[in-house]
């Protein structure tokens, strides 16, 4: 009996509850829940277990900017947190094959250029075509993700 195909793991990090629900529903709406496993996190700290676990490690990480992190017992959203999160992924050899996608409503050209310099693999600016943009990006990276699962 052939081994079942492994699901492509996606981690979505965004502090907005509705965006996390919407993102997970995209795969359900497209009938792809059998092919993709989607985990969501509101903060960098919530995302960390997915990055360090061999079993949970995502193939693709979508993240918003600014990102929230715990600071003095409060969650604080900062642009720099997003840059540090991406740098952490790109500098860890265990995460070298993880594709990264900035998923943001911030269209500030300077910030987008800086995040490209850090090494983000794709950028999606939130719009009315978010569902299609997400699916197009996942299809672009799915062959890579399937090869590393």
Protein backbone atom coordinates (compact mmCIF):
# COMPACT_ATOMS: atom_id res chain seq x y z
CA UNK A 1 0.00 0.00 0.00
CA UNK A 2 1.50 3.37 -0.96
CA UNK A 3 2.48 5.74 1.82
CA UNK A 4 -0.03 8.59 2.17
CA UNK A 5 1.14 11.88 0.72
CA UNK A 6 2.40 14.25 3.40
CA UNK A 7 0.52 17.48 3.78
CA UNK A 8 2.31 20.72 2.99
CA UNK A 9 2.62 22.59 6.28
CA UNK A 10 1.83 26.29 6.35
CA UNK A 11 2.27 28.63 9.30
CA UNK A 12 0.37 31.93 9.27
CA UNK A 13 1.46 34.57 11.81
CA UNK A 14 -0.86 37.56 12.19
CA UNK A 15 -2.21 39.30 15.28
CA UNK A 16 -5.64 39.84 13.69
CA UNK A 17 -8.09 37.11 14.73
CA UNK A 18 -10.24 37.54 11.62
CA UNK A 19 -7.24 37.28 9.28
CA UNK A 20 -6.17 34.02 10.95
CA UNK A 21 -9.67 32.57 10.47
CA UNK A 22 -9.84 33.86 6.87
CA UNK A 23 -6.44 32.41 6.02
CA UNK A 24 -7.34 28.93 7.28
CA UNK A 25 -10.66 29.06 5.46
CA UNK A 26 -8.99 29.78 2.11
CA UNK A 27 -7.79 26.18 1.89
CA UNK A 28 -11.15 24.80 2.98
CA UNK A 29 -12.97 26.97 0.39
CA UNK A 30 -10.68 25.64 -2.34
CA UNK A 31 -11.13 22.03 -1.17
CA UNK A 32 -7.46 21.70 -0.29
CA UNK A 33 -7.61 20.83 3.41
CA UNK A 34 -6.44 17.30 2.57
CA UNK A 35 -3.27 18.64 0.91
CA UNK A 36 -2.35 21.43 3.32
CA UNK A 37 -2.05 21.67 7.08
CA UNK A 38 -2.48 25.28 8.25
CA UNK A 39 -1.40 26.44 11.70
CA UNK A 40 -1.87 29.99 12.91
CA UNK A 41 -0.15 32.11 15.53
CA UNK A 42 -0.86 35.59 16.86
CA UNK A 43 2.67 36.32 18.09
CA UNK A 44 6.28 35.45 17.41
CA UNK A 45 6.36 33.45 20.64
CA UNK A 46 3.36 31.36 19.55
CA UNK A 47 5.10 30.68 16.21
CA UNK A 48 8.38 29.53 17.77
CA UNK A 49 7.35 25.92 18.58
CA UNK A 50 6.53 25.38 14.89
CA UNK A 51 9.97 26.57 13.86
CA UNK A 52 11.94 24.43 16.30
CA UNK A 53 9.98 21.16 15.99
CA UNK A 54 10.97 18.75 13.23
CA UNK A 55 7.39 17.45 13.22
CA UNK A 56 5.67 20.84 13.14
CA UNK A 57 8.17 22.79 11.02
CA UNK A 58 6.30 24.54 8.19
CA UNK A 59 7.18 24.38 4.52
CA UNK A 60 5.82 27.92 4.01
CA UNK A 61 5.51 30.76 6.53
CA UNK A 62 3.16 33.67 5.87
CA UNK A 63 3.62 36.58 8.28
CA UNK A 64 2.23 40.05 8.78
CA UNK A 65 4.09 43.22 9.68
CA UNK A 66 4.14 44.62 12.21
CA UNK A 67 4.36 41.43 14.24
CA UNK A 68 3.46 41.09 17.90
CA UNK A 69 5.90 39.92 20.53
CA UNK A 70 5.70 39.73 24.31
CA UNK A 71 7.42 42.63 25.99
CA UNK A 72 7.15 43.24 29.75
CA UNK A 73 4.03 41.03 29.98
CA UNK A 74 2.28 42.84 27.13
CA UNK A 75 1.97 42.05 23.43
CA UNK A 76 3.54 44.84 21.41
CA UNK A 77 3.33 45.16 17.62
CA UNK A 78 6.54 46.43 16.04
CA UNK A 79 7.84 46.55 12.48
CA UNK A 80 11.29 45.48 13.66
CA UNK A 81 9.82 42.26 15.07
CA UNK A 82 8.87 41.22 11.52
CA UNK A 83 12.40 41.84 10.28
CA UNK A 84 13.88 39.88 13.20
CA UNK A 85 11.42 37.01 12.64
CA UNK A 86 12.45 36.75 8.98
CA UNK A 87 16.16 37.00 9.84
CA UNK A 88 15.72 34.20 12.38
CA UNK A 89 14.19 31.93 9.74
CA UNK A 90 16.74 32.80 7.05
CA UNK A 91 19.76 32.37 9.35
CA UNK A 92 18.80 28.95 10.77
CA UNK A 93 20.17 26.06 8.65
CA UNK A 94 17.23 23.87 9.74
CA UNK A 95 14.85 26.44 8.25
CA UNK A 96 16.83 27.09 5.07
CA UNK A 97 14.24 25.46 2.81
CA UNK A 98 11.24 27.17 4.42
CA UNK A 99 9.64 29.64 2.03
CA UNK A 100 8.63 32.98 3.55
CA UNK A 101 5.80 35.25 2.45
CA UNK A 102 5.11 38.71 3.84
CA UNK A 103 1.31 39.06 3.97
CA UNK A 104 0.65 42.68 4.87
CA UNK A 105 -1.54 45.72 4.35
CA UNK A 106 1.55 47.92 4.60
CA UNK A 107 2.50 49.09 1.12
CA UNK A 108 5.36 51.34 2.27
CA UNK A 109 7.96 50.88 -0.49
CA UNK A 110 10.89 51.41 1.89
CA UNK A 111 9.70 48.65 4.22
CA UNK A 112 8.98 46.28 1.31
CA UNK A 113 12.45 46.90 -0.16
CA UNK A 114 14.07 46.31 3.23
CA UNK A 115 12.18 43.02 3.74
CA UNK A 116 13.25 41.91 0.25
CA UNK A 117 16.87 42.63 1.21
CA UNK A 118 16.50 40.38 4.27
CA UNK A 119 15.41 37.60 1.92
CA UNK A 120 11.63 37.20 1.91
CA UNK A 121 10.56 34.85 -0.89
CA UNK A 122 7.31 36.64 -1.79
CA UNK A 123 5.16 39.60 -0.76
CA UNK A 124 1.37 39.77 -0.82
CA UNK A 125 -0.21 43.13 -0.09
CA UNK A 126 -3.67 42.50 1.37
CA UNK A 127 -6.39 43.44 -1.11
CA UNK A 128 -9.72 42.29 -2.49
CA UNK A 129 -7.94 39.45 -4.32
CA UNK A 130 -6.22 38.02 -1.22
CA UNK A 131 -7.65 34.54 -1.64
CA UNK A 132 -6.40 34.27 -5.21
CA UNK A 133 -3.04 35.83 -4.28
CA UNK A 134 -2.54 33.32 -1.46
CA UNK A 135 -3.46 30.35 -3.67
CA UNK A 136 -1.17 31.56 -6.47
CA UNK A 137 1.73 31.93 -4.02
CA UNK A 138 1.13 28.52 -2.45
CA UNK A 139 0.96 26.88 -5.90
CA UNK A 140 4.26 28.57 -6.74
CA UNK A 141 5.95 27.11 -3.65
CA UNK A 142 4.01 23.82 -3.34
CA UNK A 143 6.40 21.80 -5.57
CA UNK A 144 9.30 23.01 -3.40
CA UNK A 145 7.34 22.34 -0.21
CA UNK A 146 6.27 18.86 -1.31
CA UNK A 147 9.89 17.98 -2.09
CA UNK A 148 11.04 18.94 1.43
CA UNK A 149 8.24 17.38 3.47
